Amino acid sequence: MLALTLGAAVFESPDHLEPIRTLKGPLRIYLRNQDDAGQSIDAATLQLTERILSESVVIWSGETLGVAEMARGMATRERMTGWLTVKWRRSDDRDRCGRSTVGVDGGYMEFNLSPACNCGTPGPYPRLIRHELGHAMGYYHTDSALDVMYGQPITADSCDLLPSDRERRHARLAYGAPR
């Protein structure tokens, strides 16, 4: 088993009932093109991340939202309405390959570019990108290894996993309901 861990969300799970927090859209995504130490992020990593995010917003929103704008730069758009910021860091902390705010307008996703977190490919692996986007769009961890939102170590054959049928059903319920 490949010991990759999908990082815990900022709010792993609430200790009491809370309303479901979903994002309003369409989304605008800001990809920082430097990590937390000011080192440039390679073009292939930025392109892969953009592609996976664009495809996955549609799935996680129950096919109700898309990406209206994708921007890159050295700053951040955290706490700016309508934006989701992608940040990068390099750390040997293999217990935290990614983290995200949960359902926060103006929130962020952060990916660890350590080789311990890449599933054998450069940059974050597709399932990790989908997983952290799931948190950003309001979802918590699940109890099934067949789900992208499963919050335990995964096997190498799960590195490019798409959201399961049950996750897609829940996305249609969460994002299809009147707000």
C-alpha atoms as a PDB file:
ATOM      1  CA  MET A   1       0.000   0.000   0.000  1.00  0.00           C
ATOM      2  CA  LEU A   2       1.281   3.434  -0.920  1.00  0.00           C
ATOM      3  CA  ALA A   3       1.381   5.537   2.216  1.00  0.00           C
ATOM      4  CA  LEU A   4      -0.039   8.763   0.836  1.00  0.00           C
ATOM      5  CA  THR A   5      -2.260  10.704   3.128  1.00  0.00           C
ATOM      6  CA  LEU A   6      -4.919  13.132   2.029  1.00  0.00           C
ATOM      7  CA  GLY A   7      -4.395  16.025   4.404  1.00  0.00           C
ATOM      8  CA  ALA A   8      -6.913  16.875   7.035  1.00  0.00           C
ATOM      9  CA  ALA A   9      -9.178  19.778   6.284  1.00  0.00           C
ATOM     10  CA  VAL A  10      -8.956  22.877   8.413  1.00  0.00           C
ATOM     11  CA  PHE A  11     -12.190  21.700  10.020  1.00  0.00           C
ATOM     12  CA  GLU A  12     -11.819  17.909   9.942  1.00  0.00           C
ATOM     13  CA  SER A  13     -15.360  17.296  11.068  1.00  0.00           C
ATOM     14  CA  PRO A  14     -17.705  19.383  13.130  1.00  0.00           C
ATOM     15  CA  ASP A  15     -18.426  18.292  16.689  1.00  0.00           C
ATOM     16  CA  HIS A  16     -22.044  19.364  16.299  1.00  0.00           C
ATOM     17  CA  LEU A  17     -24.595  19.685  13.522  1.00  0.00           C
ATOM     18  CA  GLU A  18     -23.912  22.543  11.146  1.00  0.00           C
ATOM     19  CA  PRO A  19     -25.593  23.692   7.961  1.00  0.00           C
ATOM     20  CA  ILE A  20     -24.016  22.423   4.757  1.00  0.00           C
ATOM     21  CA  ARG A  21     -21.720  25.119   3.418  1.00  0.00           C
ATOM     22  CA  THR A  22     -21.652  25.190  -0.355  1.00  0.00           C
ATOM     23  CA  LEU A  23     -20.026  27.722  -2.617  1.00  0.00           C
ATOM     24  CA  LYS A  24     -21.979  29.970  -4.885  1.00  0.00           C
ATOM     25  CA  GLY A  25     -20.673  30.187  -8.380  1.00  0.00           C
ATOM     26  CA  PRO A  26     -19.449  30.196 -10.947  1.00  0.00           C
ATOM     27  CA  LEU A  27     -16.057  29.892  -9.272  1.00  0.00           C
ATOM     28  CA  ARG A  28     -12.940  31.864  -9.933  1.00  0.00           C
ATOM     29  CA  ILE A  29      -9.696  30.068  -9.136  1.00  0.00           C
ATOM     30  CA  TYR A  30      -6.392  31.785  -8.424  1.00  0.00           C
ATOM     31  CA  LEU A  31      -3.262  29.631  -8.687  1.00  0.00           C
ATOM     32  CA  ARG A  32      -0.207  31.027  -6.990  1.00  0.00           C
ATOM     33  CA  ASN A  33       2.754  30.465  -9.285  1.00  0.00           C
ATOM     34  CA  GLN A  34       5.235  30.358  -6.390  1.00  0.00           C
ATOM     35  CA  ASP A  35       5.419  28.245  -3.256  1.00  0.00           C
ATOM     36  CA  ASP A  36       5.574  29.577   0.309  1.00  0.00           C
ATOM     37  CA  ALA A  37       9.362  30.067  -0.043  1.00  0.00           C
ATOM     38  CA  GLY A  38       9.091  32.044  -3.304  1.00  0.00           C
ATOM     39  CA  GLN A  39      10.222  29.181  -5.560  1.00  0.00           C
ATOM     40  CA  SER A  40       8.448  28.989  -8.939  1.00  0.00           C
ATOM     41  CA  ILE A  41       5.920  26.249  -9.627  1.00  0.00           C
ATOM     42  CA  ASP A  42       6.602  24.431 -12.896  1.00  0.00           C
ATOM     43  CA  ALA A  43       4.224  24.896 -15.822  1.00  0.00           C
ATOM     44  CA  ALA A  44       3.258  21.199 -15.977  1.00  0.00           C
ATOM     45  CA  THR A  45       2.074  21.250 -12.346  1.00  0.00           C
ATOM     46  CA  LEU A  46       0.050  24.422 -12.897  1.00  0.00           C
ATOM     47  CA  GLN A  47      -1.522  23.042 -16.103  1.00  0.00           C
ATOM     48  CA  LEU A  48      -2.426  19.694 -14.497  1.00  0.00           C
ATOM     49  CA  THR A  49      -3.919  21.450 -11.482  1.00  0.00           C
ATOM     50  CA  GLU A  50      -5.977  23.793 -13.691  1.00  0.00           C
ATOM     51  CA  ARG A  51      -7.300  20.898 -15.765  1.00  0.00           C
ATOM     52  CA  ILE A  52      -8.261  18.737 -12.775  1.00  0.00           C
ATOM     53  CA  LEU A  53      -9.918  21.673 -10.978  1.00  0.00           C
ATOM     54  CA  SER A  54     -11.917  22.699 -14.068  1.00  0.00           C
ATOM     55  CA  GLU A  55     -13.185  19.153 -14.593  1.00  0.00           C
ATOM     56  CA  SER A  56     -13.880  18.545 -10.906  1.00  0.00           C
ATOM     57  CA  VAL A  57     -15.833  21.720 -10.071  1.00  0.00           C
ATOM     58  CA  VAL A  58     -18.551  20.438 -12.384  1.00  0.00           C
ATOM     59  CA  ILE A  59     -18.659  17.058 -10.602  1.00  0.00           C
ATOM     60  CA  TRP A  60     -18.551  18.420  -7.028  1.00  0.00           C
ATOM     61  CA  SER A  61     -21.294  20.949  -7.808  1.00  0.00           C
ATOM     62  CA  GLY A  62     -23.691  18.314  -9.125  1.00  0.00           C
ATOM     63  CA  GLU A  63     -23.145  19.751 -12.609  1.00  0.00           C
ATOM     64  CA  THR A  64     -24.473  23.181 -11.598  1.00  0.00           C
ATOM     65  CA  LEU A  65     -21.233  25.231 -11.503  1.00  0.00           C
ATOM     66  CA  GLY A  66     -18.184  25.761 -13.638  1.00  0.00           C
ATOM     67  CA  VAL A  67     -14.994  27.780 -13.480  1.00  0.00           C
ATOM     68  CA  ALA A  68     -15.617  31.308 -14.735  1.00  0.00           C
ATOM     69  CA  GLU A  69     -12.022  32.437 -14.465  1.00  0.00           C
ATOM     70  CA  MET A  70      -8.629  30.890 -13.835  1.00  0.00           C
ATOM     71  CA  ALA A  71      -5.826  33.313 -12.928  1.00  0.00           C
ATOM     72  CA  ARG A  72      -2.188  32.909 -11.910  1.00  0.00           C
ATOM     73  CA  GLY A  73       0.126  35.148  -9.966  1.00  0.00           C
ATOM     74  CA  MET A  74       2.347  35.631  -6.937  1.00  0.00           C
ATOM     75  CA  ALA A  75      -0.283  37.143  -4.621  1.00  0.00           C
ATOM     76  CA  THR A  76      -3.373  35.566  -3.101  1.00  0.00           C
ATOM     77  CA  ARG A  77      -7.117  36.015  -3.432  1.00  0.00           C
ATOM     78  CA  GLU A  78      -7.911  34.540  -0.024  1.00  0.00           C
ATOM     79  CA  ARG A  79     -10.874  36.220   1.665  1.00  0.00           C
ATOM     80  CA  MET A  80     -11.984  37.708  -1.662  1.00  0.00           C
ATOM     81  CA  THR A  81     -15.593  36.827  -2.506  1.00  0.00           C
ATOM     82  CA  GLY A  82     -15.960  34.378  -5.367  1.00  0.00           C
ATOM     83  CA  TRP A  83     -12.302  33.288  -5.378  1.00  0.00           C
ATOM     84  CA  LEU A  84     -10.624  30.061  -4.349  1.00  0.00           C
ATOM     85  CA  THR A  85      -6.822  30.346  -3.968  1.00  0.00           C
ATOM     86  CA  VAL A  86      -4.425  27.456  -4.631  1.00  0.00           C
ATOM     87  CA  LYS A  87      -1.238  27.649  -2.535  1.00  0.00           C
ATOM     88  CA  TRP A  88       1.898  25.489  -2.520  1.00  0.00           C
ATOM     89  CA  ARG A  89       4.464  24.411   0.014  1.00  0.00           C
ATOM     90  CA  ARG A  90       7.392  22.006   0.151  1.00  0.00           C
ATOM     91  CA  SER A  91       7.668  19.948   3.313  1.00  0.00           C
ATOM     92  CA  ASP A  92       8.716  16.446   4.305  1.00  0.00           C
ATOM     93  CA  ASP A  93       5.493  16.190   6.327  1.00  0.00           C
ATOM     94  CA  ARG A  94       3.940  13.218   4.537  1.00  0.00           C
ATOM     95  CA  ASP A  95       0.931  13.383   6.863  1.00  0.00           C
ATOM     96  CA  ARG A  96      -0.187  16.609   5.254  1.00  0.00           C
ATOM     97  CA  CYS A  97      -0.158  16.389   1.467  1.00  0.00           C
ATOM     98  CA  GLY A  98      -2.982  18.873   1.189  1.00  0.00           C
ATOM     99  CA  ARG A  99      -5.388  20.947   3.221  1.00  0.00           C
ATOM    100  CA  SER A 100      -8.303  23.198   2.534  1.00  0.00           C
ATOM    101  CA  THR A 101     -10.939  25.410   4.031  1.00  0.00           C
ATOM    102  CA  VAL A 102     -14.386  23.771   4.012  1.00  0.00           C
ATOM    103  CA  GLY A 103     -17.098  25.601   2.084  1.00  0.00           C
ATOM    104  CA  VAL A 104     -15.581  29.049   2.612  1.00  0.00           C
ATOM    105  CA  ASP A 105     -16.146  31.744  -0.012  1.00  0.00           C
ATOM    106  CA  GLY A 106     -12.675  33.260  -0.431  1.00  0.00           C
ATOM    107  CA  GLY A 107     -11.090  30.060   0.867  1.00  0.00           C
ATOM    108  CA  TYR A 108      -8.000  28.177  -0.175  1.00  0.00           C
ATOM    109  CA  MET A 109      -6.464  24.825  -1.010  1.00  0.00           C
ATOM    110  CA  GLU A 110      -2.826  24.095  -0.218  1.00  0.00           C
ATOM    111  CA  PHE A 111      -0.732  21.330  -1.776  1.00  0.00           C
ATOM    112  CA  ASN A 112       2.559  19.906  -0.529  1.00  0.00           C
ATOM    113  CA  LEU A 113       5.005  19.483  -3.431  1.00  0.00           C
ATOM    114  CA  SER A 114       7.184  17.011  -1.525  1.00  0.00           C
ATOM    115  CA  PRO A 115       8.045  13.808  -3.439  1.00  0.00           C
ATOM    116  CA  ALA A 116       6.374  11.956  -0.553  1.00  0.00           C
ATOM    117  CA  CYS A 117       3.044  13.429  -1.726  1.00  0.00           C
ATOM    118  CA  ASN A 118       3.168  13.009  -5.490  1.00  0.00           C
ATOM    119  CA  CYS A 119       2.050   9.420  -6.184  1.00  0.00           C
ATOM    120  CA  GLY A 120       4.986   8.944  -8.583  1.00  0.00           C
ATOM    121  CA  THR A 121       4.235  11.951 -10.779  1.00  0.00           C
ATOM    122  CA  PRO A 122       5.443  15.554 -10.579  1.00  0.00           C
ATOM    123  CA  GLY A 123       3.212  17.844  -8.538  1.00  0.00           C
ATOM    124  CA  PRO A 124       0.078  16.854  -6.642  1.00  0.00           C
ATOM    125  CA  TYR A 125      -1.700  13.763  -7.902  1.00  0.00           C
ATOM    126  CA  PRO A 126      -5.188  14.127  -9.437  1.00  0.00           C
ATOM    127  CA  ARG A 127      -7.081  12.482  -6.564  1.00  0.00           C
ATOM    128  CA  LEU A 128      -5.459  14.851  -4.054  1.00  0.00           C
ATOM    129  CA  ILE A 129      -6.514  17.864  -6.132  1.00  0.00           C
ATOM    130  CA  ARG A 130     -10.082  16.506  -6.343  1.00  0.00           C
ATOM    131  CA  HIS A 131     -10.090  15.697  -2.617  1.00  0.00           C
ATOM    132  CA  GLU A 132      -9.042  19.184  -1.504  1.00  0.00           C
ATOM    133  CA  LEU A 133     -11.461  20.788  -3.965  1.00  0.00           C
ATOM    134  CA  GLY A 134     -14.172  18.613  -2.397  1.00  0.00           C
ATOM    135  CA  HIS A 135     -13.348  20.146   1.005  1.00  0.00           C
ATOM    136  CA  ALA A 136     -13.282  23.648  -0.489  1.00  0.00           C
ATOM    137  CA  MET A 137     -16.754  23.024  -1.926  1.00  0.00           C
ATOM    138  CA  GLY A 138     -18.151  21.918   1.442  1.00  0.00           C
ATOM    139  CA  TYR A 139     -17.534  18.174   1.815  1.00  0.00           C
ATOM    140  CA  TYR A 140     -15.995  16.285   4.735  1.00  0.00           C
ATOM    141  CA  HIS A 141     -14.220  12.921   4.813  1.00  0.00           C
ATOM    142  CA  THR A 142     -16.131   9.708   4.137  1.00  0.00           C
ATOM    143  CA  ASP A 143     -15.705   6.163   5.411  1.00  0.00           C
ATOM    144  CA  SER A 144     -15.250   4.399   2.057  1.00  0.00           C
ATOM    145  CA  ALA A 145     -11.928   3.826   0.263  1.00  0.00           C
ATOM    146  CA  LEU A 146     -13.950   3.985  -2.987  1.00  0.00           C
ATOM    147  CA  ASP A 147     -14.613   7.694  -2.374  1.00  0.00           C
ATOM    148  CA  VAL A 148     -12.322  10.580  -3.298  1.00  0.00           C
ATOM    149  CA  MET A 149     -13.225  12.113   0.077  1.00  0.00           C
ATOM    150  CA  TYR A 150     -11.939   9.078   1.995  1.00  0.00           C
ATOM    151  CA  GLY A 151      -9.594  10.518   4.598  1.00  0.00           C
ATOM    152  CA  GLN A 152      -7.177   7.636   5.159  1.00  0.00           C
ATOM    153  CA  PRO A 153      -3.997   6.481   3.373  1.00  0.00           C
ATOM    154  CA  ILE A 154      -4.688   5.289  -0.164  1.00  0.00           C
ATOM    155  CA  THR A 155      -3.254   2.662  -2.484  1.00  0.00           C
ATOM    156  CA  ALA A 156      -1.268   3.506  -5.624  1.00  0.00           C
ATOM    157  CA  ASP A 157      -4.175   2.447  -7.859  1.00  0.00           C
ATOM    158  CA  SER A 158      -6.305   5.228  -6.311  1.00  0.00           C
ATOM    159  CA  CYS A 159      -4.073   8.162  -7.339  1.00  0.00           C
ATOM    160  CA  ASP A 160      -6.388   9.230 -10.175  1.00  0.00           C
ATOM    161  CA  LEU A 161      -9.708   8.191  -8.642  1.00  0.00           C
ATOM    162  CA  LEU A 162     -12.826  10.114  -9.684  1.00  0.00           C
ATOM    163  CA  PRO A 163     -15.693  10.860  -7.280  1.00  0.00           C
ATOM    164  CA  SER A 164     -17.809   7.773  -6.667  1.00  0.00           C
ATOM    165  CA  ASP A 165     -21.455   7.404  -7.651  1.00  0.00           C
ATOM    166  CA  ARG A 166     -22.546   8.100  -4.078  1.00  0.00           C
ATOM    167  CA  GLU A 167     -20.383  11.249  -3.944  1.00  0.00           C
ATOM    168  CA  ARG A 168     -21.936  12.430  -7.206  1.00  0.00           C
ATOM    169  CA  ARG A 169     -25.439  11.800  -5.812  1.00  0.00           C
ATOM    170  CA  HIS A 170     -24.612  13.834  -2.724  1.00  0.00           C
ATOM    171  CA  ALA A 171     -23.175  16.625  -4.876  1.00  0.00           C
ATOM    172  CA  ARG A 172     -26.443  16.818  -6.821  1.00  0.00           C
ATOM    173  CA  LEU A 173     -28.342  17.023  -3.522  1.00  0.00           C
ATOM    174  CA  ALA A 174     -26.029  19.610  -1.939  1.00  0.00           C
ATOM    175  CA  TYR A 175     -25.802  21.888  -4.967  1.00  0.00           C
ATOM    176  CA  GLY A 176     -29.169  21.202  -6.534  1.00  0.00           C
ATOM    177  CA  ALA A 177     -31.211  22.358  -3.555  1.00  0.00           C
ATOM    178  CA  PRO A 178     -32.447  25.972  -3.566  1.00  0.00           C
ATOM    179  CA  ARG A 179     -30.186  28.279  -1.603  1.00  0.00           C
END
